[in-house]
Structure formats: structure tokens, C-alpha cells
């Protein structure tokens, strides 16, 4: 799973991309990154933080050009997400949606308006 990480105000965040087969869509998950296991510190090129439980998941459909991306928010503790991190996440979702739209055009499956 491709992952991107970013630090903001002392907190670490991660975005993971994976294909959600039941939804016929790409999932773009935003989470707070958690420290990697202590045993990983022996490897200087190893990741220091790993994606945690996703609190924002965007689904970008890639099978039906008439479906729009949707965003699902999962937070039980009143999590506050900084604007810059939310914006970064939504840019990733927009980029994924654009890649799917290009794929639709190349396959001759453009959306019906």
C-alpha cells in the first residue's frame, strides 16, 4: 500500500491508498501516524512512524464514471484535524479522482451529465 507521511505541529499523519474491492473504488485513508516498533530503530532507513487507524476515508470510484467520490469520517473522541492536514488529504483525494477520470476517458467511459 503506498503511504505518504507528514508532520504538523509535532503530530505525525499518514495517508494510505488501497483498492476497496467491495466498493469498486480507491480508498484514500488519513490517520494519525503511530511510532514504529522499537525493534525497527535498529534500521536507520526504516520508517519511524506507521499509519494508525484511519479517521477520514475517501472512496474514489473507478468503475462507474457517474459516481462521485465520498468522504467518511470516523472519530469517537472529537478529534481535531489541522486545516493544513485536511487540505493535504483532500489534495490527495482530488489527485486520485483525476487519475480515475483520465482512465474513464481513455476507456471511452465518460460520465453522463
N, C-alpha and C. Protein backbone atom coordinates (compact mmCIF):
# COMPACT_ATOMS: atom_id res chain seq x y z
N UNK A 1 0.83 -1.17 0.00
CA UNK A 1 0.00 0.00 0.00
C UNK A 1 0.88 1.24 0.00
N UNK A 2 0.74 2.08 -0.99
CA UNK A 2 1.51 3.33 -0.96
C UNK A 2 1.07 4.20 0.22
N UNK A 3 2.05 4.81 0.86
CA UNK A 3 1.78 5.65 2.02
C UNK A 3 2.57 6.94 1.90
N UNK A 4 1.94 8.03 2.31
CA UNK A 4 2.63 9.32 2.41
C UNK A 4 2.50 9.78 3.85
N UNK A 5 3.52 10.47 4.33
CA UNK A 5 3.52 10.95 5.72
C UNK A 5 3.81 12.44 5.76
N UNK A 6 3.31 13.06 6.81
CA UNK A 6 3.57 14.48 7.02
C UNK A 6 3.52 14.78 8.51
N UNK A 7 4.38 15.69 8.92
CA UNK A 7 4.38 16.15 10.31
C UNK A 7 3.82 17.55 10.35
N UNK A 8 3.01 17.82 11.37
CA UNK A 8 2.43 19.16 11.52
C UNK A 8 2.25 19.43 13.01
N UNK A 9 2.85 20.49 13.49
CA UNK A 9 2.73 20.92 14.89
C UNK A 9 3.05 19.79 15.87
N UNK A 10 4.08 19.01 15.56
CA UNK A 10 4.51 17.95 16.46
C UNK A 10 3.73 16.65 16.35
N UNK A 11 2.74 16.60 15.47
CA UNK A 11 1.97 15.37 15.26
C UNK A 11 2.32 14.80 13.90
N UNK A 12 2.26 13.49 13.80
CA UNK A 12 2.56 12.81 12.54
C UNK A 12 1.26 12.27 11.95
N UNK A 13 1.12 12.43 10.64
CA UNK A 13 -0.08 11.97 9.93
C UNK A 13 0.36 11.11 8.75
N UNK A 14 -0.53 10.23 8.32
CA UNK A 14 -0.23 9.35 7.19
C UNK A 14 -1.45 9.25 6.29
N UNK A 15 -1.19 9.12 5.00
CA UNK A 15 -2.23 8.84 4.02
C UNK A 15 -1.85 7.53 3.35
N UNK A 16 -2.80 6.60 3.31
CA UNK A 16 -2.61 5.31 2.64
C UNK A 16 -3.60 5.22 1.49
N UNK A 17 -3.16 4.59 0.41
CA UNK A 17 -4.00 4.35 -0.75
C UNK A 17 -4.15 2.84 -0.89
N UNK A 18 -5.37 2.38 -1.06
CA UNK A 18 -5.58 0.96 -1.36
C UNK A 18 -6.89 0.82 -2.12
N UNK A 19 -7.02 -0.30 -2.79
CA UNK A 19 -8.24 -0.53 -3.55
C UNK A 19 -9.25 -1.25 -2.67
N UNK A 20 -10.45 -0.66 -2.56
CA UNK A 20 -11.54 -1.25 -1.77
C UNK A 20 -12.44 -2.02 -2.73
N UNK A 21 -12.16 -3.29 -2.89
CA UNK A 21 -12.86 -4.12 -3.87
C UNK A 21 -14.38 -4.10 -3.70
N UNK A 22 -14.92 -4.22 -2.47
CA UNK A 22 -16.38 -4.22 -2.35
C UNK A 22 -17.03 -2.92 -2.85
N UNK A 23 -16.27 -1.82 -2.80
CA UNK A 23 -16.80 -0.51 -3.21
C UNK A 23 -16.44 -0.17 -4.65
N UNK A 24 -15.64 -1.00 -5.31
CA UNK A 24 -15.13 -0.67 -6.65
C UNK A 24 -14.58 0.75 -6.66
N UNK A 25 -13.71 1.02 -5.69
CA UNK A 25 -13.19 2.37 -5.53
C UNK A 25 -11.82 2.33 -4.87
N UNK A 26 -11.07 3.40 -5.13
CA UNK A 26 -9.81 3.60 -4.42
C UNK A 26 -10.13 4.25 -3.09
N UNK A 27 -9.54 3.74 -2.03
CA UNK A 27 -9.70 4.33 -0.70
C UNK A 27 -8.45 5.15 -0.40
N UNK A 28 -8.68 6.38 0.03
CA UNK A 28 -7.59 7.27 0.45
C UNK A 28 -7.84 7.53 1.93
N UNK A 29 -6.99 6.95 2.78
CA UNK A 29 -7.21 6.98 4.22
C UNK A 29 -6.25 7.94 4.92
N UNK A 30 -6.79 8.83 5.74
CA UNK A 30 -5.99 9.73 6.56
C UNK A 30 -6.02 9.23 8.00
N UNK A 31 -4.83 9.14 8.61
CA UNK A 31 -4.74 8.71 10.00
C UNK A 31 -3.62 9.47 10.69
N UNK A 32 -3.66 9.43 12.02
CA UNK A 32 -2.50 9.89 12.77
C UNK A 32 -1.50 8.75 12.71
N UNK A 33 -0.26 9.08 12.44
CA UNK A 33 0.77 8.05 12.37
C UNK A 33 1.22 7.71 13.79
N UNK A 34 1.50 6.44 13.99
CA UNK A 34 1.93 5.96 15.30
C UNK A 34 3.40 5.54 15.23
N UNK A 35 4.10 5.62 16.34
CA UNK A 35 5.52 5.22 16.32
C UNK A 35 5.69 3.76 15.88
N UNK A 36 6.71 3.54 15.10
CA UNK A 36 7.05 2.18 14.67
C UNK A 36 7.55 1.39 15.88
N UNK A 37 7.49 0.07 15.81
CA UNK A 37 8.01 -0.75 16.93
C UNK A 37 9.47 -0.41 17.24
N UNK A 38 9.81 -0.51 18.51
CA UNK A 38 11.17 -0.16 18.95
C UNK A 38 12.23 -0.97 18.22
N UNK A 39 11.92 -2.18 17.84
CA UNK A 39 12.91 -3.02 17.16
C UNK A 39 13.28 -2.46 15.79
N UNK A 40 12.44 -1.61 15.25
CA UNK A 40 12.72 -1.02 13.94
C UNK A 40 13.77 0.08 14.01
N UNK A 41 14.05 0.61 15.19
CA UNK A 41 15.01 1.71 15.32
C UNK A 41 16.43 1.28 14.98
N UNK A 42 16.66 -0.03 14.96
CA UNK A 42 17.98 -0.53 14.60
C UNK A 42 18.28 -0.34 13.12
N UNK A 43 17.24 -0.16 12.32
CA UNK A 43 17.39 0.04 10.87
C UNK A 43 17.29 1.54 10.58
N UNK A 44 18.41 2.21 10.28
CA UNK A 44 18.37 3.67 10.08
C UNK A 44 17.52 4.11 8.88
N UNK A 45 17.30 3.21 7.93
CA UNK A 45 16.48 3.59 6.78
C UNK A 45 15.02 3.19 6.96
N UNK A 46 14.69 2.61 8.11
CA UNK A 46 13.33 2.16 8.39
C UNK A 46 12.40 3.32 8.72
N UNK A 47 11.13 3.07 8.57
CA UNK A 47 10.12 4.08 8.89
C UNK A 47 10.04 4.29 10.40
N UNK A 48 9.92 5.53 10.83
CA UNK A 48 9.81 5.83 12.25
C UNK A 48 8.35 5.89 12.71
N UNK A 49 7.43 6.10 11.75
CA UNK A 49 6.01 6.14 12.06
C UNK A 49 5.24 5.34 11.03
N UNK A 50 4.18 4.69 11.49
CA UNK A 50 3.33 3.89 10.63
C UNK A 50 1.91 4.44 10.67
N UNK A 51 1.13 4.22 9.63
CA UNK A 51 -0.26 4.68 9.66
C UNK A 51 -1.02 4.03 10.82
N UNK A 52 -1.83 4.83 11.48
CA UNK A 52 -2.69 4.31 12.55
C UNK A 52 -4.08 4.03 12.00
N UNK A 53 -5.06 4.01 12.89
CA UNK A 53 -6.45 3.78 12.46
C UNK A 53 -6.94 5.00 11.70
N UNK A 54 -7.53 4.76 10.54
CA UNK A 54 -8.00 5.86 9.69
C UNK A 54 -9.17 6.58 10.34
N UNK A 55 -9.14 7.91 10.31
CA UNK A 55 -10.28 8.69 10.81
C UNK A 55 -10.99 9.43 9.69
N UNK A 56 -10.41 9.46 8.51
CA UNK A 56 -11.07 10.04 7.35
C UNK A 56 -10.74 9.14 6.16
N UNK A 57 -11.78 8.64 5.51
CA UNK A 57 -11.59 7.75 4.37
C UNK A 57 -12.40 8.28 3.20
N UNK A 58 -11.72 8.55 2.10
CA UNK A 58 -12.40 8.97 0.88
C UNK A 58 -12.40 7.80 -0.09
N UNK A 59 -13.56 7.55 -0.68
CA UNK A 59 -13.68 6.50 -1.69
C UNK A 59 -13.83 7.16 -3.04
N UNK A 60 -12.93 6.81 -3.96
CA UNK A 60 -12.93 7.37 -5.31
C UNK A 60 -13.29 6.24 -6.27
N UNK A 61 -14.55 6.21 -6.77
CA UNK A 61 -14.97 5.12 -7.66
C UNK A 61 -14.17 5.11 -8.96
N UNK A 62 -13.83 3.90 -9.42
CA UNK A 62 -13.12 3.82 -10.70
C UNK A 62 -13.79 2.86 -11.68
N UNK A 63 -14.99 2.42 -11.35
CA UNK A 63 -15.72 1.53 -12.25
C UNK A 63 -16.89 2.24 -12.92
N UNK A 64 -17.50 3.20 -12.25
CA UNK A 64 -18.67 3.91 -12.78
C UNK A 64 -18.36 5.40 -12.83
N UNK A 65 -18.22 5.97 -14.03
CA UNK A 65 -17.87 7.38 -14.13
C UNK A 65 -18.96 8.33 -13.63
N UNK A 66 -20.15 7.82 -13.37
CA UNK A 66 -21.24 8.67 -12.88
C UNK A 66 -21.25 8.80 -11.36
N UNK A 67 -20.42 8.02 -10.67
CA UNK A 67 -20.35 8.11 -9.21
C UNK A 67 -19.30 9.14 -8.80
N UNK A 68 -19.63 9.91 -7.78
CA UNK A 68 -18.71 10.91 -7.24
C UNK A 68 -17.95 10.33 -6.05
N UNK A 69 -16.77 10.86 -5.77
CA UNK A 69 -16.07 10.45 -4.55
C UNK A 69 -16.90 10.80 -3.31
N UNK A 70 -16.75 10.01 -2.27
CA UNK A 70 -17.42 10.27 -0.99
C UNK A 70 -16.38 10.27 0.11
N UNK A 71 -16.68 10.97 1.19
CA UNK A 71 -15.77 11.05 2.33
C UNK A 71 -16.51 10.55 3.57
N UNK A 72 -15.87 9.65 4.30
CA UNK A 72 -16.43 9.08 5.52
C UNK A 72 -15.52 9.48 6.68
N UNK A 73 -16.11 9.99 7.74
CA UNK A 73 -15.35 10.45 8.91
C UNK A 73 -15.62 9.50 10.07
N UNK A 74 -14.54 9.02 10.69
CA UNK A 74 -14.63 8.09 11.81
C UNK A 74 -13.88 8.68 12.99
N UNK A 75 -14.60 9.22 13.97
CA UNK A 75 -13.94 9.77 15.15
C UNK A 75 -14.88 9.66 16.34
N UNK A 76 -14.40 9.00 17.38
CA UNK A 76 -15.22 8.83 18.57
C UNK A 76 -14.80 9.78 19.68
N UNK A 77 -13.69 10.45 19.50
CA UNK A 77 -13.15 11.25 20.60
C UNK A 77 -13.04 12.73 20.27
N UNK A 78 -13.81 13.22 19.31
CA UNK A 78 -13.78 14.64 18.97
C UNK A 78 -12.44 15.09 18.41
N UNK A 79 -11.82 14.27 17.62
CA UNK A 79 -10.52 14.56 17.03
C UNK A 79 -10.55 15.87 16.26
N UNK A 80 -9.55 16.69 16.46
CA UNK A 80 -9.40 17.94 15.73
C UNK A 80 -8.27 17.76 14.72
N UNK A 81 -8.59 17.99 13.44
CA UNK A 81 -7.60 17.82 12.38
C UNK A 81 -7.21 19.21 11.88
N UNK A 82 -5.93 19.54 11.90
CA UNK A 82 -5.49 20.86 11.43
C UNK A 82 -5.89 21.09 9.96
N UNK A 83 -6.17 22.33 9.65
CA UNK A 83 -6.58 22.70 8.29
C UNK A 83 -5.57 22.24 7.25
N UNK A 84 -4.29 22.46 7.49
CA UNK A 84 -3.26 22.09 6.52
C UNK A 84 -3.26 20.59 6.24
N UNK A 85 -3.52 19.79 7.26
CA UNK A 85 -3.55 18.34 7.08
C UNK A 85 -4.81 17.94 6.31
N UNK A 86 -5.93 18.56 6.63
CA UNK A 86 -7.18 18.29 5.90
C UNK A 86 -7.01 18.67 4.44
N UNK A 87 -6.41 19.81 4.19
CA UNK A 87 -6.19 20.27 2.81
C UNK A 87 -5.26 19.31 2.06
N UNK A 88 -4.18 18.89 2.70
CA UNK A 88 -3.25 17.93 2.10
C UNK A 88 -3.99 16.64 1.73
N UNK A 89 -4.82 16.16 2.64
CA UNK A 89 -5.59 14.94 2.39
C UNK A 89 -6.54 15.12 1.21
N UNK A 90 -7.24 16.22 1.16
CA UNK A 90 -8.20 16.46 0.08
C UNK A 90 -7.48 16.65 -1.26
N UNK A 91 -6.28 17.17 -1.25
CA UNK A 91 -5.48 17.26 -2.49
C UNK A 91 -5.16 15.86 -3.00
N UNK A 92 -4.85 14.95 -2.09
CA UNK A 92 -4.57 13.56 -2.48
C UNK A 92 -5.81 12.91 -3.08
N UNK A 93 -6.98 13.19 -2.47
CA UNK A 93 -8.24 12.65 -2.98
C UNK A 93 -8.52 13.22 -4.37
N UNK A 94 -8.32 14.53 -4.54
CA UNK A 94 -8.55 15.16 -5.84
C UNK A 94 -7.62 14.59 -6.91
N UNK A 95 -6.37 14.35 -6.55
CA UNK A 95 -5.42 13.75 -7.49
C UNK A 95 -5.86 12.34 -7.90
N UNK A 96 -6.34 11.56 -6.93
CA UNK A 96 -6.80 10.20 -7.24
C UNK A 96 -8.05 10.25 -8.13
N UNK A 97 -8.96 11.18 -7.85
CA UNK A 97 -10.16 11.34 -8.68
C UNK A 97 -9.79 11.72 -10.10
N UNK A 98 -8.80 12.57 -10.25
CA UNK A 98 -8.36 12.98 -11.59
C UNK A 98 -7.76 11.79 -12.34
N UNK A 99 -6.97 10.97 -11.67
CA UNK A 99 -6.41 9.78 -12.32
C UNK A 99 -7.52 8.85 -12.79
N UNK A 100 -8.57 8.69 -11.98
CA UNK A 100 -9.69 7.83 -12.39
C UNK A 100 -10.44 8.44 -13.56
N UNK A 101 -10.64 9.76 -13.56
CA UNK A 101 -11.34 10.40 -14.68
C UNK A 101 -10.55 10.25 -15.98
N UNK A 102 -9.24 10.36 -15.89
CA UNK A 102 -8.40 10.15 -17.08
C UNK A 102 -8.56 8.72 -17.58
N UNK A 103 -8.60 7.77 -16.65
CA UNK A 103 -8.80 6.37 -17.02
C UNK A 103 -10.15 6.17 -17.70
N UNK A 104 -11.20 6.84 -17.19
CA UNK A 104 -12.52 6.74 -17.81
C UNK A 104 -12.48 7.27 -19.24
N UNK A 105 -11.80 8.39 -19.43
CA UNK A 105 -11.71 8.98 -20.77
C UNK A 105 -10.95 8.07 -21.72
N UNK A 106 -9.87 7.49 -21.25
CA UNK A 106 -9.07 6.61 -22.09
C UNK A 106 -9.84 5.34 -22.47
N UNK A 107 -10.74 4.90 -21.59
CA UNK A 107 -11.54 3.71 -21.86
C UNK A 107 -12.83 4.04 -22.60
N UNK A 108 -13.07 5.35 -22.85
CA UNK A 108 -14.31 5.76 -23.52
C UNK A 108 -15.53 5.68 -22.62
N UNK A 109 -15.33 5.77 -21.30
CA UNK A 109 -16.45 5.69 -20.33
C UNK A 109 -16.64 7.00 -19.61
N UNK A 110 -16.91 8.06 -20.30
CA UNK A 110 -17.09 9.35 -19.63
C UNK A 110 -18.44 9.42 -18.95
N UNK A 111 -18.52 10.26 -17.93
CA UNK A 111 -19.75 10.41 -17.16
C UNK A 111 -20.87 11.00 -18.00
N UNK A 112 -22.10 10.57 -17.72
CA UNK A 112 -23.28 11.11 -18.38
C UNK A 112 -23.77 12.27 -17.55
N UNK A 113 -23.95 13.42 -18.19
CA UNK A 113 -24.38 14.61 -17.43
C UNK A 113 -25.85 14.85 -17.59
